């Protein structure tokens, strides 16, 4: 049964008369509900129209253009799933952009599965075989099952050989003849390497030569660096050490490619390598000299830290394909306890550092505070003092007043799934509003 989010968008495409097919992952139909991305082939003249349909239904476009020219849209579905649609108006495969078949030939023989259109069984089989041959180094078990299912659907068609020859050409037909003689051949991974080589010999369509490759690389880099000047959605996770924020950030990355662009905005993973040296305490035996060195290191570290965060952010920002960056930690005001000679210096430096940091890196669009019972958190990392932990928790709570963006508290003294489901609910609410 197809999820409501997908059923709705395919219904809109069908009513609008958009000429399209879902290229893969529809056997069985439930696969569409679980796949990270869905490939849709659309007629070139309908490419602009299909984007308008998606935008009207609340889908968001990928911000950083793909190198292959495909259009990507994404949406947070009500079924706690993020859908990514890869919309293409060509049949180019692999890095070499090898053209296999004509778009119109595929669309002319499409069939309806009840909710959406798919290619003819034979077309599906051939396109899937070439996608694996030209884009995959190895074939997974699920892909083999998919191939087997497509083969079983296609082999009994009396026009099997004719359709391949007519719609893909004599060369492909000849290259596939031996491979398609039995199920054993089609499931043999070695056959794909031979087929890929045959395709590269006869169907390479990309421009060749040093200048063409160099020019393409320049264009790709220009697009990437131009993205540095665009606004991104910065979603941050704050909380004390041991509160579970890093675990939740990591889970988001594997949940969807939309949240794969992540950054650490804390005290490690520095952009400037000398920062690590500045963190080390002086080893001088002279007490006065040691104190002076430590104070100087602290001042230099504080002066460089905002710029280190800034360059870290720029480096990751140009890779934010969907315009979203997930941050593990975010600088917050510090609290100090006790009385020592260095405290006034710390206070001044920390305030200047924080002010400069907020000036250089953007404020968050959405903030999650990972919070749990202090005793539970302390049990996870007992190497620190309990009072310091309470201070970290109090600092994290300041985010509710510090930031103008929506701030959500997520309890983490429960199962990781419960915490993650709560995060997803807030993300769904945020992106759909």
Protein backbone atom coordinates (compact mmCIF):
# COMPACT_ATOMS: atom_id res chain seq x y z
CA UNK A 1 0.00 0.00 0.00
CA UNK A 2 1.47 3.36 -1.02
CA UNK A 3 1.91 6.01 1.70
CA UNK A 4 -0.42 9.01 1.61
CA UNK A 5 2.41 11.49 0.90
CA UNK A 6 3.43 9.66 -2.26
CA UNK A 7 -0.11 8.75 -3.27
CA UNK A 8 -1.05 12.43 -3.14
CA UNK A 9 1.82 13.63 -5.34
CA UNK A 10 1.36 10.87 -7.94
CA UNK A 11 -2.35 11.66 -8.02
CA UNK A 12 -1.50 15.28 -8.82
CA UNK A 13 0.87 14.21 -11.62
CA UNK A 14 -1.72 11.86 -13.08
CA UNK A 15 -4.50 14.47 -13.02
CA UNK A 16 -2.16 17.07 -14.51
CA UNK A 17 -1.33 14.80 -17.44
CA UNK A 18 2.41 14.83 -16.74
CA UNK A 19 4.20 12.28 -18.93
CA UNK A 20 6.40 10.35 -16.47
CA UNK A 21 7.45 6.92 -15.19
CA UNK A 22 8.99 5.75 -11.91
CA UNK A 23 12.23 4.16 -13.08
CA UNK A 24 12.91 1.67 -10.28
CA UNK A 25 12.11 0.42 -6.80
CA UNK A 26 8.45 -0.37 -7.37
CA UNK A 27 8.60 -4.16 -6.95
CA UNK A 28 6.88 -4.60 -4.59
CA UNK A 29 5.07 -1.26 -4.47
CA UNK A 30 5.82 -0.91 -0.72
CA UNK A 31 9.50 -0.38 -1.63
CA UNK A 32 8.68 3.19 -2.59
CA UNK A 33 7.67 3.88 1.02
CA UNK A 34 11.08 2.91 2.37
CA UNK A 35 13.57 4.04 -0.30
CA UNK A 36 15.81 7.04 0.43
CA UNK A 37 15.26 8.41 -3.07
CA UNK A 38 12.89 7.73 -5.95
CA UNK A 39 13.93 8.10 -9.60
CA UNK A 40 11.36 9.64 -11.92
CA UNK A 41 11.83 9.92 -15.69
CA UNK A 42 9.81 12.76 -17.21
CA UNK A 43 9.39 13.98 -20.77
CA UNK A 44 11.64 17.05 -21.37
CA UNK A 45 8.68 19.26 -22.21
CA UNK A 46 7.08 18.44 -18.83
CA UNK A 47 10.21 19.12 -16.73
CA UNK A 48 9.18 22.66 -15.68
CA UNK A 49 5.56 21.68 -15.16
CA UNK A 50 6.41 18.81 -12.83
CA UNK A 51 8.44 21.17 -10.62
CA UNK A 52 5.43 23.49 -10.26
CA UNK A 53 3.27 20.54 -9.22
CA UNK A 54 5.76 19.56 -6.51
CA UNK A 55 6.15 23.11 -5.20
CA UNK A 56 2.37 23.49 -4.97
CA UNK A 57 2.25 20.31 -2.86
CA UNK A 58 4.84 21.59 -0.37
CA UNK A 59 7.93 19.86 -1.76
CA UNK A 60 11.22 21.76 -1.42
CA UNK A 61 13.92 21.94 -4.13
CA UNK A 62 17.53 20.92 -3.63
CA UNK A 63 19.56 24.14 -3.37
CA UNK A 64 22.94 23.01 -4.71
CA UNK A 65 22.48 21.86 -8.35
CA UNK A 66 23.46 18.30 -9.24
CA UNK A 67 26.35 17.81 -11.62
CA UNK A 68 24.28 15.56 -13.87
CA UNK A 69 21.58 18.21 -14.29
CA UNK A 70 18.86 16.18 -12.55
CA UNK A 71 16.35 18.02 -10.37
CA UNK A 72 15.83 16.89 -6.77
CA UNK A 73 12.88 17.71 -4.50
CA UNK A 74 12.30 16.62 -0.91
CA UNK A 75 9.48 16.54 1.61
CA UNK A 76 8.90 15.38 5.18
CA UNK A 77 6.01 12.94 4.99
CA UNK A 78 3.42 12.38 7.70
CA UNK A 79 4.58 8.77 7.89
CA UNK A 80 7.81 9.84 9.65
CA UNK A 81 9.72 9.56 6.41
CA UNK A 82 11.66 12.04 4.28
CA UNK A 83 11.15 11.51 0.58
CA UNK A 84 13.70 12.61 -2.01
CA UNK A 85 12.68 12.60 -5.67
CA UNK A 86 15.35 12.46 -8.38
CA UNK A 87 13.67 13.87 -11.50
CA UNK A 88 15.45 13.42 -14.84
CA UNK A 89 14.57 14.00 -18.47
CA UNK A 90 17.34 11.83 -19.95
CA UNK A 91 18.65 8.25 -19.84
CA UNK A 92 22.31 8.90 -19.08
CA UNK A 93 24.11 6.40 -16.85
CA UNK A 94 27.34 6.47 -14.87
CA UNK A 95 30.09 9.08 -14.65
CA UNK A 96 30.64 8.79 -18.39
CA UNK A 97 27.01 9.82 -19.05
CA UNK A 98 26.32 6.90 -21.33
CA UNK A 99 22.99 7.17 -23.13
CA UNK A 100 20.91 3.98 -23.15
CA UNK A 101 17.66 4.29 -25.07
CA UNK A 102 15.33 7.19 -25.87
CA UNK A 103 13.04 8.85 -23.33
CA UNK A 104 10.06 8.85 -25.70
CA UNK A 105 10.40 5.12 -26.44
CA UNK A 106 10.22 4.37 -22.71
CA UNK A 107 7.27 6.71 -22.09
CA UNK A 108 5.29 5.43 -25.11
CA UNK A 109 5.06 1.90 -23.65
CA UNK A 110 4.58 2.80 -19.97
CA UNK A 111 1.99 1.01 -17.83
CA UNK A 112 -0.12 2.04 -14.83
CA UNK A 113 0.29 0.24 -11.48
CA UNK A 114 -2.80 1.71 -9.86
CA UNK A 115 -1.12 4.78 -8.34
CA UNK A 116 1.69 5.72 -10.72
CA UNK A 117 3.20 4.89 -14.11
CA UNK A 118 6.20 2.59 -14.59
CA UNK A 119 8.10 1.48 -17.71
CA UNK A 120 7.20 -1.65 -19.63
CA UNK A 121 8.60 -4.74 -17.81
CA UNK A 122 11.26 -5.28 -20.49
CA UNK A 123 12.32 -1.62 -20.41
CA UNK A 124 12.53 -1.78 -16.61
CA UNK A 125 14.73 -4.84 -16.77
CA UNK A 126 17.16 -3.39 -19.33
CA UNK A 127 17.43 0.02 -17.66
CA UNK A 128 17.98 -1.59 -14.27
CA UNK A 129 20.68 -3.87 -15.67
CA UNK A 130 22.56 -0.94 -17.19
CA UNK A 131 22.20 1.19 -14.06
CA UNK A 132 23.84 -1.59 -12.07
CA UNK A 133 26.49 -2.23 -14.72
CA UNK A 134 27.55 1.41 -15.10
CA UNK A 135 26.99 2.82 -11.60
CA UNK A 136 27.54 0.00 -9.09
CA UNK A 137 30.78 -1.76 -8.18
CA UNK A 138 28.87 -4.63 -6.58
CA UNK A 139 25.26 -5.82 -6.52
CA UNK A 140 23.35 -6.21 -3.26
CA UNK A 141 21.00 -9.04 -2.35
CA UNK A 142 17.93 -6.83 -2.67
CA UNK A 143 19.04 -5.71 -6.14
CA UNK A 144 19.44 -9.34 -7.23
CA UNK A 145 15.91 -10.09 -6.01
CA UNK A 146 14.64 -7.07 -7.91
CA UNK A 147 16.39 -8.27 -11.08
CA UNK A 148 15.01 -11.75 -10.64
CA UNK A 149 11.47 -10.40 -10.26
CA UNK A 150 11.80 -8.22 -13.36
CA UNK A 151 13.25 -11.12 -15.34
CA UNK A 152 10.34 -13.39 -14.37
CA UNK A 153 7.89 -10.72 -15.52
CA UNK A 154 9.67 -10.09 -18.83
CA UNK A 155 10.94 -13.43 -20.14
CA UNK A 156 7.57 -14.76 -21.34
CA UNK A 157 6.75 -11.72 -23.46
CA UNK A 158 6.63 -12.93 -27.07
CA UNK A 159 8.09 -9.60 -28.25
CA UNK A 160 10.96 -9.73 -25.72
CA UNK A 161 13.83 -9.74 -28.23
CA UNK A 162 12.07 -7.39 -30.68
CA UNK A 163 11.39 -4.70 -28.05
CA UNK A 164 15.02 -4.71 -26.93
CA UNK A 165 16.24 -4.44 -30.52
CA UNK A 166 13.70 -1.78 -31.52
CA UNK A 167 14.00 0.48 -28.46
CA UNK A 168 17.66 0.01 -27.48
CA UNK A 169 19.37 -0.91 -30.74
CA UNK A 170 21.16 -3.89 -32.29
CA UNK A 171 24.36 -3.45 -30.24
CA UNK A 172 22.60 -3.61 -26.87
CA UNK A 173 20.43 -6.43 -28.09
CA UNK A 174 23.51 -8.43 -29.09
CA UNK A 175 25.36 -7.64 -25.86
CA UNK A 176 22.37 -8.76 -23.80
CA UNK A 177 21.45 -11.89 -25.77
CA UNK A 178 23.71 -14.30 -23.90
CA UNK A 179 23.10 -12.61 -20.57
CA UNK A 180 19.33 -12.93 -20.85
CA UNK A 181 19.25 -16.60 -21.86
CA UNK A 182 18.66 -17.75 -18.29
CA UNK A 183 18.12 -16.48 -14.79
CA UNK A 184 21.54 -17.82 -13.84
CA UNK A 185 23.23 -15.56 -16.36
CA UNK A 186 21.31 -12.46 -15.36
CA UNK A 187 22.26 -12.94 -11.70
CA UNK A 188 25.95 -13.40 -12.48
CA UNK A 189 27.82 -10.29 -11.39
CA UNK A 190 30.66 -10.87 -13.89
CA UNK A 191 28.24 -10.30 -16.77
CA UNK A 192 27.69 -6.71 -15.64
CA UNK A 193 31.36 -5.83 -16.00
CA UNK A 194 31.35 -7.12 -19.58
CA UNK A 195 28.14 -5.26 -20.33
CA UNK A 196 29.48 -2.02 -18.86
CA UNK A 197 32.57 -2.29 -21.05
CA UNK A 198 30.44 -2.92 -24.13
CA UNK A 199 28.36 0.16 -23.30
CA UNK A 200 31.45 2.32 -22.84
CA UNK A 201 32.77 1.22 -26.23
CA UNK A 202 29.60 2.02 -28.14
CA UNK A 203 27.52 4.55 -26.22
CA UNK A 204 29.83 7.17 -24.65
CA UNK A 205 28.10 10.49 -25.17
CA UNK A 206 30.04 12.89 -22.95
CA UNK A 207 32.49 15.37 -24.40
CA UNK A 208 36.05 14.08 -24.39
CA UNK A 209 39.34 15.82 -24.10
CA UNK A 210 41.29 17.73 -21.47
CA UNK A 211 39.63 21.10 -22.09
CA UNK A 212 36.07 19.70 -21.85
CA UNK A 213 36.81 17.94 -18.54
CA UNK A 214 38.65 20.96 -17.17
CA UNK A 215 35.82 23.34 -18.12
CA UNK A 216 33.24 21.06 -16.47
CA UNK A 217 35.31 21.00 -13.29
CA UNK A 218 35.51 24.81 -13.28
CA UNK A 219 31.73 25.09 -13.67
CA UNK A 220 31.12 22.61 -10.84
CA UNK A 221 33.47 24.46 -8.49
CA UNK A 222 31.93 27.82 -9.42
CA UNK A 223 28.46 26.55 -8.51
CA UNK A 224 29.78 25.06 -5.28
CA UNK A 225 31.55 28.24 -4.13
CA UNK A 226 28.66 30.48 -5.15
CA UNK A 227 26.65 28.56 -2.58
CA UNK A 228 28.80 30.18 0.15
CA UNK A 229 26.74 33.34 -0.32
CA UNK A 230 23.37 31.64 0.04
CA UNK A 231 21.43 31.32 3.24
CA UNK A 232 21.15 27.87 4.82
CA UNK A 233 18.97 26.44 7.54
CA UNK A 234 21.21 25.83 10.58
CA UNK A 235 19.68 23.28 12.94
CA UNK A 236 21.66 22.99 16.17
CA UNK A 237 21.78 20.47 19.02
CA UNK A 238 22.97 21.66 22.43
CA UNK A 239 23.17 19.94 25.80
CA UNK A 240 25.68 18.70 28.34
CA UNK A 241 28.23 15.99 27.56
CA UNK A 242 26.48 12.63 27.82
CA UNK A 243 23.02 14.05 27.09
CA UNK A 244 22.81 12.10 23.79
CA UNK A 245 22.92 15.00 21.31
CA UNK A 246 25.79 13.56 19.23
CA UNK A 247 24.00 10.21 18.98
CA UNK A 248 20.84 11.93 17.73
CA UNK A 249 22.79 14.05 15.22
CA UNK A 250 24.50 10.92 13.88
CA UNK A 251 21.14 9.14 13.56
CA UNK A 252 19.75 12.03 11.49
CA UNK A 253 22.57 11.59 8.97
CA UNK A 254 21.60 7.98 8.29
CA UNK A 255 17.90 8.78 8.40
CA UNK A 256 18.00 10.84 5.21
CA UNK A 257 20.51 12.44 2.79
CA UNK A 258 18.68 15.72 3.48
CA UNK A 259 20.38 15.84 6.91
CA UNK A 260 23.75 14.40 5.83
CA UNK A 261 25.55 17.78 5.91
CA UNK A 262 26.75 17.99 9.50
CA UNK A 263 29.26 20.10 11.40
CA UNK A 264 30.84 20.01 14.85
CA UNK A 265 30.87 23.47 16.47
CA UNK A 266 32.77 22.56 19.62
CA UNK A 267 36.26 22.42 21.05
CA UNK A 268 37.92 19.86 18.75
CA UNK A 269 38.18 19.13 15.02
CA UNK A 270 39.81 22.52 14.46
CA UNK A 271 40.24 24.09 11.04
CA UNK A 272 43.51 25.71 12.17
CA UNK A 273 45.77 22.89 13.42
CA UNK A 274 47.84 25.16 15.78
CA UNK A 275 44.68 25.49 17.90
CA UNK A 276 45.42 22.05 19.34
CA UNK A 277 48.81 23.29 20.59
CA UNK A 278 47.21 26.34 22.16
CA UNK A 279 44.91 24.08 24.15
CA UNK A 280 47.83 22.25 25.77
CA UNK A 281 48.89 23.49 29.20
CA UNK A 282 52.42 24.82 29.64
CA UNK A 283 54.95 22.32 30.97
CA UNK A 284 57.27 24.98 32.42
CA UNK A 285 58.61 24.22 35.92
CA UNK A 286 58.64 27.91 36.75
CA UNK A 287 55.23 28.70 38.27
CA UNK A 288 55.18 32.37 37.15
CA UNK A 289 56.34 31.49 33.62
CA UNK A 290 53.81 28.65 33.40
CA UNK A 291 50.96 30.95 34.41
CA UNK A 292 52.02 33.62 31.90
CA UNK A 293 52.29 31.06 29.07
CA UNK A 294 48.90 29.59 29.87
CA UNK A 295 47.32 33.03 29.98
CA UNK A 296 48.87 33.99 26.63
CA UNK A 297 47.75 30.70 25.06
CA UNK A 298 44.23 31.25 26.36
CA UNK A 299 44.08 34.76 24.86
CA UNK A 300 45.38 33.57 21.48
CA UNK A 301 43.02 30.60 21.47
CA UNK A 302 40.05 32.86 22.30
CA UNK A 303 41.00 35.27 19.51
CA UNK A 304 41.31 32.52 16.89
CA UNK A 305 38.36 30.35 17.91
CA UNK A 306 35.57 32.43 16.23
CA UNK A 307 37.49 32.41 12.93
CA UNK A 308 38.11 28.68 13.24
CA UNK A 309 34.36 28.10 13.60
CA UNK A 310 33.69 30.46 10.69
CA UNK A 311 35.99 28.60 8.29
CA UNK A 312 34.64 25.26 9.48
CA UNK A 313 31.15 26.50 8.69
CA UNK A 314 32.12 27.81 5.23
CA UNK A 315 33.81 24.53 4.37
CA UNK A 316 30.69 22.51 5.18
CA UNK A 317 28.22 25.09 3.86
CA UNK A 318 29.33 24.71 0.23
CA UNK A 319 28.37 21.02 0.47
CA UNK A 320 24.90 21.64 1.92
CA UNK A 321 23.03 20.19 -1.06
CA UNK A 322 19.57 20.70 0.39
CA UNK A 323 20.35 24.00 2.13
CA UNK A 324 20.38 22.41 5.60
CA UNK A 325 23.31 22.11 8.02
CA UNK A 326 23.03 20.08 11.24
CA UNK A 327 25.33 21.32 14.03
CA UNK A 328 26.50 19.20 16.94
CA UNK A 329 26.97 21.89 19.66
CA UNK A 330 26.85 25.66 19.34
CA UNK A 331 28.77 28.27 21.40
CA UNK A 332 26.82 29.44 24.47
CA UNK A 333 27.69 31.97 27.23
CA UNK A 334 29.90 30.56 29.98
CA UNK A 335 29.49 30.70 33.74
CA UNK A 336 32.43 30.91 36.13
CA UNK A 337 32.79 29.83 39.74
CA UNK A 338 35.49 30.44 42.31
CA UNK A 339 38.08 33.22 42.48
CA UNK A 340 41.46 33.10 40.74
CA UNK A 341 43.69 35.70 39.11
CA UNK A 342 42.92 34.46 35.64
CA UNK A 343 39.12 34.71 35.95
CA UNK A 344 38.84 38.39 34.83
CA UNK A 345 40.90 37.59 31.72
CA UNK A 346 38.69 34.56 31.04
CA UNK A 347 35.53 36.60 31.37
CA UNK A 348 36.67 39.33 29.00
CA UNK A 349 38.06 36.91 26.41
CA UNK A 350 35.01 34.65 26.56
CA UNK A 351 32.59 37.52 26.05
CA UNK A 352 34.57 38.96 23.13
CA UNK A 353 34.94 35.48 21.62
CA UNK A 354 31.21 34.79 21.90
CA UNK A 355 30.27 38.17 20.43
CA UNK A 356 32.64 37.66 17.49
CA UNK A 357 31.38 34.08 16.97
CA UNK A 358 27.75 35.24 16.77
CA UNK A 359 28.86 37.93 14.32
CA UNK A 360 30.67 35.50 12.01
CA UNK A 361 28.44 32.42 11.95
CA UNK A 362 24.67 32.58 11.41
CA UNK A 363 22.17 32.15 14.18
CA UNK A 364 20.27 28.87 14.34
CA UNK A 365 17.00 28.36 12.46
CA UNK A 366 15.93 25.63 14.89
CA UNK A 367 17.46 24.56 18.21
CA UNK A 368 17.14 21.24 20.03
CA UNK A 369 18.15 20.98 23.69
CA UNK A 370 19.02 17.39 24.65
CA UNK A 371 18.11 17.05 28.30
CA UNK A 372 17.83 14.22 30.83
CA UNK A 373 17.90 13.54 34.56
CA UNK A 374 21.34 14.83 35.73
CA UNK A 375 21.99 11.61 37.67
CA UNK A 376 21.45 9.53 34.53
CA UNK A 377 23.77 11.77 32.48
CA UNK A 378 26.41 11.77 35.21
CA UNK A 379 26.36 7.96 35.31
CA UNK A 380 27.31 7.96 31.60
CA UNK A 381 30.39 10.16 32.13
CA UNK A 382 31.49 10.10 35.75
CA UNK A 383 34.94 11.53 35.04
CA UNK A 384 33.69 15.10 35.60
CA UNK A 385 32.25 16.74 38.71
CA UNK A 386 28.51 16.68 39.31
CA UNK A 387 28.44 20.47 39.84
CA UNK A 388 30.10 21.04 36.47
CA UNK A 389 27.42 18.87 34.87
CA UNK A 390 24.66 20.96 36.49
CA UNK A 391 26.39 24.07 35.15
CA UNK A 392 26.42 22.61 31.61
CA UNK A 393 22.71 21.79 31.84
CA UNK A 394 21.91 25.32 33.02
CA UNK A 395 23.98 26.80 30.16
CA UNK A 396 22.07 24.71 27.62
CA UNK A 397 18.74 25.92 28.98
CA UNK A 398 19.80 29.51 28.24
CA UNK A 399 19.13 28.73 24.57
CA UNK A 400 15.38 29.12 25.21
CA UNK A 401 15.97 32.85 25.89
CA UNK A 402 19.13 33.42 23.85
CA UNK A 403 17.88 32.49 20.37
CA UNK A 404 14.94 33.96 18.47
CA UNK A 405 14.36 30.72 16.57
CA UNK A 406 12.07 27.88 17.77
CA UNK A 407 13.75 26.02 20.65
CA UNK A 408 12.62 22.48 21.48
CA UNK A 409 13.60 20.48 24.57
CA UNK A 410 14.02 16.77 23.85
CA UNK A 411 14.18 14.32 26.74
CA UNK A 412 16.94 11.73 26.32
CA UNK A 413 16.47 9.65 29.50
CA UNK A 414 14.29 7.30 27.42
CA UNK A 415 14.96 5.09 24.40
CA UNK A 416 16.83 6.65 21.47
CA UNK A 417 13.82 5.94 19.24
CA UNK A 418 11.47 7.92 21.49
CA UNK A 419 13.83 10.91 21.50
CA UNK A 420 14.33 10.69 17.74
CA UNK A 421 10.60 10.47 17.06
CA UNK A 422 10.09 13.66 19.06
CA UNK A 423 12.82 15.39 17.02
CA UNK A 424 11.19 14.25 13.79
CA UNK A 425 7.81 15.64 14.90
CA UNK A 426 9.41 19.04 15.50
CA UNK A 427 11.25 18.89 12.14
CA UNK A 428 8.03 17.99 10.35
CA UNK A 429 6.24 20.91 12.02
CA UNK A 430 9.10 23.31 11.24
CA UNK A 431 9.51 22.47 7.54
CA UNK A 432 5.80 22.28 6.84
CA UNK A 433 5.15 25.68 8.36
